[in-house]
Amino acid sequence: MSSALTQLSDRSLQRLREALASSRLTMPVSSLTLAQLVPQELLQPILEELRGLHQAGMTPAVLIWMIDILLEQRRELRSETGRLELVMTGPEPPGSMIRDTAVVVRQMFLNAKRSICICGFAVYQGKDIFAALANRMEALPELNVRMYLNIDRPHGDSSPSELLLAKFQKRFRENQWPENMRLPEVFYDPRPLADDDASKSACLHAKFVISDVQHVFLSSANFTEAAQQRNIEAGVLLDSSVLARDMESHFQSLIDHGFLKRLRFH
């Protein structure tokens, strides 16, 4: 007999686990709460299964343990079938085992031991997206975090580039990074801030996360709530120290030759 839980994606299983651990979801299960955690087409079979498990005496702690086992089995299966994994954001077909963007990014932040390198075109809702990373930086003072972010000149804005940088710096500290937490190193491409049309038409558009110069996540997703949770986005996660080193070395070379500048926080 197959469990309805196996039809849930990693993202839904993780949501279910977090709701149980925080007591947001209690036994017997509420259909209203469960509807916020699983796809509509799986709501009824999941509800019936969880209520049946409750009647059989299962506790939330044991259910969390079962979900952890299921997620670990999936991770082991993926590692056996190849080192390249597809990662998606968007609607979840029943039974999808494709990994979820927000889950992958958060796990990379939580598991990093030495370094995190991030490149993104757009960042919104950063306080939520980067909360796990900021906490990891506090727990590991030796963890080096570097970001490459796009800073552009709004259409029709003739402000000096120094003023635009100061505004971006203020927004980043106040809106995009958890308050009173150690800041990452931030670098930017100065060309979009230039006054001439040829330069300002360029932008820093790459999007990736590298952890510990080993794990590489390349994605179409920006660091926004929509891109991490709702849009249809595609990416790949791979384990390659060679690729990780090449990518980090390339961006370091851009810094060394003046193509990227460091944003100085005051």
Protein backbone atom coordinates (compact mmCIF):
# COMPACT_ATOMS: atom_id res chain seq x y z
CA MET A 1 0.00 0.00 0.00
CA SER A 2 1.50 3.31 -1.10
CA SER A 3 1.59 6.31 1.21
CA ALA A 4 0.08 9.55 -0.04
CA LEU A 5 3.04 11.33 1.53
CA THR A 6 5.31 9.92 -1.19
CA GLN A 7 3.35 11.96 -3.74
CA LEU A 8 4.44 15.22 -2.12
CA SER A 9 7.36 17.21 -3.48
CA ASP A 10 10.37 18.01 -1.31
CA ARG A 11 9.03 21.52 -0.80
CA SER A 12 5.64 20.32 0.46
CA LEU A 13 7.26 17.73 2.72
CA GLN A 14 9.53 20.39 4.18
CA ARG A 15 6.58 22.72 4.77
CA LEU A 16 4.67 19.91 6.45
CA ARG A 17 7.65 19.11 8.65
CA GLU A 18 8.19 22.72 9.70
CA ALA A 19 4.48 23.15 10.49
CA LEU A 20 4.54 20.06 12.71
CA ALA A 21 7.76 21.08 14.45
CA SER A 22 6.41 24.56 15.23
CA SER A 23 2.99 23.18 16.31
CA ARG A 24 1.31 25.22 13.59
CA LEU A 25 -0.08 21.88 12.43
CA THR A 26 -1.39 19.69 15.25
CA MET A 27 -3.01 16.28 15.47
CA PRO A 28 -5.78 15.64 14.56
CA VAL A 29 -4.96 17.58 11.42
CA SER A 30 -6.99 20.62 10.43
CA SER A 31 -7.97 20.66 6.77
CA LEU A 32 -7.71 24.48 6.68
CA THR A 33 -4.11 24.44 7.90
CA LEU A 34 -3.13 21.49 5.73
CA ALA A 35 -4.53 23.26 2.65
CA GLN A 36 -1.81 25.89 3.07
CA LEU A 37 0.93 23.26 3.02
CA VAL A 38 0.13 20.76 0.25
CA PRO A 39 -1.18 20.99 -3.35
CA GLN A 40 -4.98 21.08 -3.63
CA GLU A 41 -5.15 17.86 -5.66
CA LEU A 42 -3.41 15.96 -2.84
CA LEU A 43 -5.21 17.62 0.07
CA GLN A 44 -7.89 14.97 0.59
CA PRO A 45 -5.68 11.85 0.41
CA ILE A 46 -3.05 13.48 2.67
CA LEU A 47 -5.74 14.57 5.12
CA GLU A 48 -7.23 11.08 5.28
CA GLU A 49 -3.82 9.47 5.74
CA LEU A 50 -2.73 11.83 8.52
CA ARG A 51 -6.03 11.42 10.36
CA GLY A 52 -5.71 7.64 10.04
CA LEU A 53 -2.17 7.77 11.42
CA HIS A 54 -3.39 9.89 14.33
CA GLN A 55 -6.11 7.38 15.13
CA ALA A 56 -3.45 4.66 15.09
CA GLY A 57 -1.54 6.56 17.76
CA MET A 58 1.12 8.36 15.72
CA THR A 59 2.52 11.51 17.32
CA PRO A 60 3.83 14.62 15.51
CA ALA A 61 7.39 13.70 16.57
CA VAL A 62 7.15 10.30 14.88
CA LEU A 63 5.60 11.85 11.76
CA ILE A 64 8.49 14.34 11.58
CA TRP A 65 10.87 11.36 11.84
CA MET A 66 9.06 9.64 8.94
CA ILE A 67 9.29 12.77 6.78
CA ASP A 68 13.02 13.07 7.53
CA ILE A 69 13.54 9.45 6.45
CA LEU A 70 11.62 10.04 3.20
CA LEU A 71 13.64 13.17 2.40
CA GLU A 72 16.91 11.39 3.18
CA GLN A 73 15.95 8.44 0.94
CA ARG A 74 15.30 10.87 -1.90
CA ARG A 75 18.68 12.54 -1.37
CA GLU A 76 20.42 9.16 -1.43
CA LEU A 77 18.59 8.16 -4.60
CA ARG A 78 19.64 11.36 -6.32
CA SER A 79 23.27 10.89 -5.31
CA GLU A 80 23.21 7.37 -6.75
CA THR A 81 21.68 8.42 -10.06
CA GLY A 82 24.04 11.30 -10.79
CA ARG A 83 25.70 14.41 -9.45
CA LEU A 84 23.64 16.83 -11.55
CA GLU A 85 20.17 17.68 -10.22
CA LEU A 86 17.35 19.69 -11.74
CA VAL A 87 15.96 22.39 -9.43
CA MET A 88 12.69 24.18 -10.13
CA THR A 89 10.40 26.87 -8.78
CA GLY A 90 6.70 26.86 -9.61
CA PRO A 91 3.63 24.61 -9.62
CA GLU A 92 4.22 21.11 -8.25
CA PRO A 93 2.86 18.16 -10.24
CA PRO A 94 1.83 15.29 -7.90
CA GLY A 95 4.74 12.98 -7.13
CA SER A 96 7.39 15.40 -8.37
CA MET A 97 10.83 14.60 -6.94
CA ILE A 98 12.50 17.61 -8.55
CA ARG A 99 14.18 19.75 -5.91
CA ASP A 100 12.83 23.17 -5.01
CA THR A 101 14.77 26.42 -5.43
CA ALA A 102 14.06 27.91 -2.01
CA VAL A 103 14.84 24.62 -0.25
CA VAL A 104 18.14 24.14 -2.12
CA VAL A 105 19.31 27.71 -1.45
CA ARG A 106 18.43 27.48 2.24
CA GLN A 107 20.20 24.13 2.62
CA MET A 108 23.33 25.51 0.96
CA PHE A 109 23.31 28.40 3.43
CA LEU A 110 22.74 26.13 6.45
CA ASN A 111 25.40 23.59 5.46
CA ALA A 112 28.20 25.98 4.45
CA LYS A 113 31.34 25.64 6.56
CA ARG A 114 33.93 27.85 4.84
CA SER A 115 32.45 30.10 2.18
CA ILE A 116 29.34 31.19 0.29
CA CYS A 117 29.53 33.05 -3.01
CA ILE A 118 26.30 34.58 -4.35
CA CYS A 119 25.57 36.34 -7.61
CA GLY A 120 22.17 37.88 -8.31
CA PHE A 121 20.56 40.40 -10.60
CA ALA A 122 17.67 41.40 -8.33
CA VAL A 123 17.16 41.10 -4.57
CA TYR A 124 13.84 41.74 -2.81
CA GLN A 125 12.50 40.32 0.47
CA GLY A 126 16.16 39.72 1.28
CA LYS A 127 15.65 39.71 5.04
CA ASP A 128 13.64 36.50 4.74
CA ILE A 129 15.73 34.89 2.00
CA PHE A 130 19.06 35.61 3.71
CA ALA A 131 17.95 34.99 7.32
CA ALA A 132 19.40 31.45 7.38
CA LEU A 133 22.67 32.72 5.89
CA ALA A 134 23.00 35.60 8.38
CA ASN A 135 22.39 33.18 11.25
CA ARG A 136 25.01 30.80 9.84
CA MET A 137 27.50 33.69 9.66
CA GLU A 138 26.86 34.44 13.32
CA ALA A 139 27.34 30.79 14.27
CA LEU A 140 30.53 30.50 12.18
CA PRO A 141 32.58 33.72 12.41
CA GLU A 142 35.10 32.22 9.99
CA LEU A 143 32.47 31.78 7.27
CA ASN A 144 33.29 34.11 4.37
CA VAL A 145 30.29 35.39 2.40
CA ARG A 146 30.68 37.34 -0.81
CA MET A 147 27.88 38.76 -2.97
CA TYR A 148 27.92 40.12 -6.51
CA LEU A 149 24.83 42.29 -7.00
CA ASN A 150 23.50 44.51 -9.75
CA ILE A 151 23.16 48.23 -9.00
CA ASP A 152 21.58 50.20 -11.80
CA ARG A 153 20.63 53.77 -12.61
CA PRO A 154 16.83 54.26 -12.72
CA HIS A 155 15.51 55.51 -16.05
CA GLY A 156 15.81 59.28 -16.26
CA ASP A 157 17.83 59.55 -13.04
CA SER A 158 20.83 61.86 -13.41
CA SER A 159 22.06 61.60 -9.82
CA PRO A 160 25.81 61.19 -9.23
CA SER A 161 26.82 57.53 -9.04
CA GLU A 162 28.03 58.10 -5.46
CA LEU A 163 24.49 59.02 -4.41
CA LEU A 164 23.02 55.94 -6.12
CA LEU A 165 25.56 53.74 -4.34
CA ALA A 166 24.73 55.35 -1.00
CA LYS A 167 21.01 54.75 -1.58
CA PHE A 168 21.62 51.10 -2.51
CA GLN A 169 23.82 50.62 0.53
CA LYS A 170 21.10 52.05 2.80
CA ARG A 171 18.37 49.90 1.21
CA PHE A 172 20.50 46.79 1.50
CA ARG A 173 21.23 47.30 5.19
CA GLU A 174 17.68 48.32 6.10
CA ASN A 175 15.55 46.18 3.77
CA GLN A 176 17.58 43.28 2.36
CA TRP A 177 19.75 42.06 5.23
CA PRO A 178 18.69 40.93 8.73
CA GLU A 179 19.11 43.74 11.25
CA ASN A 180 22.23 43.92 13.43
CA MET A 181 23.86 40.91 11.73
CA ARG A 182 27.36 40.69 10.26
CA LEU A 183 27.33 41.98 6.69
CA PRO A 184 28.70 40.07 3.69
CA GLU A 185 31.21 41.46 1.23
CA VAL A 186 29.27 43.07 -1.62
CA PHE A 187 30.66 43.80 -5.10
CA TYR A 188 29.01 45.48 -8.08
CA ASP A 189 29.55 46.24 -11.76
CA PRO A 190 29.99 50.04 -12.07
CA ARG A 191 28.95 50.16 -15.74
CA PRO A 192 25.15 50.38 -15.16
CA LEU A 193 25.78 53.52 -13.06
CA ALA A 194 27.61 55.30 -15.88
CA ASP A 195 26.18 58.33 -17.65
CA ASP A 196 26.86 57.09 -21.20
CA ASP A 197 24.23 54.90 -22.85
CA ALA A 198 26.72 52.29 -24.05
CA SER A 199 27.89 51.46 -20.52
CA LYS A 200 24.64 51.75 -18.59
CA SER A 201 22.91 49.26 -20.91
CA ALA A 202 25.08 46.54 -19.35
CA CYS A 203 24.09 44.74 -16.16
CA LEU A 204 25.27 42.02 -13.81
CA HIS A 205 22.73 39.36 -14.77
CA ALA A 206 24.33 36.09 -13.62
CA LYS A 207 22.56 34.12 -10.86
CA PHE A 208 24.29 31.43 -8.83
CA VAL A 209 25.26 30.20 -5.37
CA ILE A 210 28.54 28.43 -4.60
CA SER A 211 29.20 26.88 -1.20
CA ASP A 212 32.59 25.77 0.14
CA VAL A 213 34.11 26.01 -3.37
CA GLN A 214 32.42 22.67 -4.08
CA HIS A 215 28.64 22.87 -4.55
CA VAL A 216 27.35 24.98 -7.45
CA PHE A 217 23.75 26.06 -8.03
CA LEU A 218 23.08 27.81 -11.34
CA SER A 219 19.56 29.19 -11.77
CA SER A 220 17.32 31.60 -13.61
CA ALA A 221 15.87 32.63 -10.22
CA ASN A 222 16.58 36.01 -8.67
CA PHE A 223 16.76 36.40 -4.90
CA THR A 224 13.15 37.47 -4.57
CA GLU A 225 10.14 35.81 -2.95
CA ALA A 226 8.45 35.40 -6.33
CA ALA A 227 11.48 33.78 -7.98
CA GLN A 228 12.22 31.54 -5.00
CA GLN A 229 8.63 30.48 -4.35
CA ARG A 230 6.15 31.18 -7.20
CA ASN A 231 7.61 31.85 -10.65
CA ILE A 232 8.48 29.03 -13.02
CA GLU A 233 12.28 29.04 -12.74
CA ALA A 234 14.85 26.41 -13.71
CA GLY A 235 18.30 25.62 -12.40
CA VAL A 236 20.85 22.87 -11.86
CA LEU A 237 22.72 21.83 -8.73
CA LEU A 238 26.03 20.06 -9.14
CA ASP A 239 28.96 18.93 -7.06
CA SER A 240 32.14 20.12 -8.80
CA SER A 241 35.14 21.70 -7.12
CA VAL A 242 36.67 22.36 -10.56
CA LEU A 243 33.68 24.38 -11.77
CA ALA A 244 33.35 26.14 -8.41
CA ARG A 245 37.00 27.19 -8.45
CA ASP A 246 36.81 28.35 -12.06
CA MET A 247 33.73 30.48 -11.38
CA GLU A 248 35.12 32.04 -8.21
CA SER A 249 38.49 32.65 -9.88
CA HIS A 250 36.80 34.37 -12.82
CA PHE A 251 34.94 36.78 -10.56
CA GLN A 252 38.07 37.40 -8.47
CA SER A 253 39.87 38.27 -11.70
CA LEU A 254 37.10 40.76 -12.54
CA ILE A 255 37.75 42.40 -9.17
CA ASP A 256 41.53 42.36 -9.60
CA HIS A 257 41.24 44.09 -12.98
CA GLY A 258 38.77 46.71 -11.79
CA PHE A 259 35.68 45.43 -13.61
CA LEU A 260 33.90 44.86 -10.30
CA LYS A 261 34.06 47.24 -7.34
CA ARG A 262 33.49 46.64 -3.65
CA LEU A 263 30.56 48.39 -1.98
CA ARG A 264 31.85 50.01 1.20
CA PHE A 265 29.45 50.02 4.14
CA HIS A 266 29.83 52.91 6.58
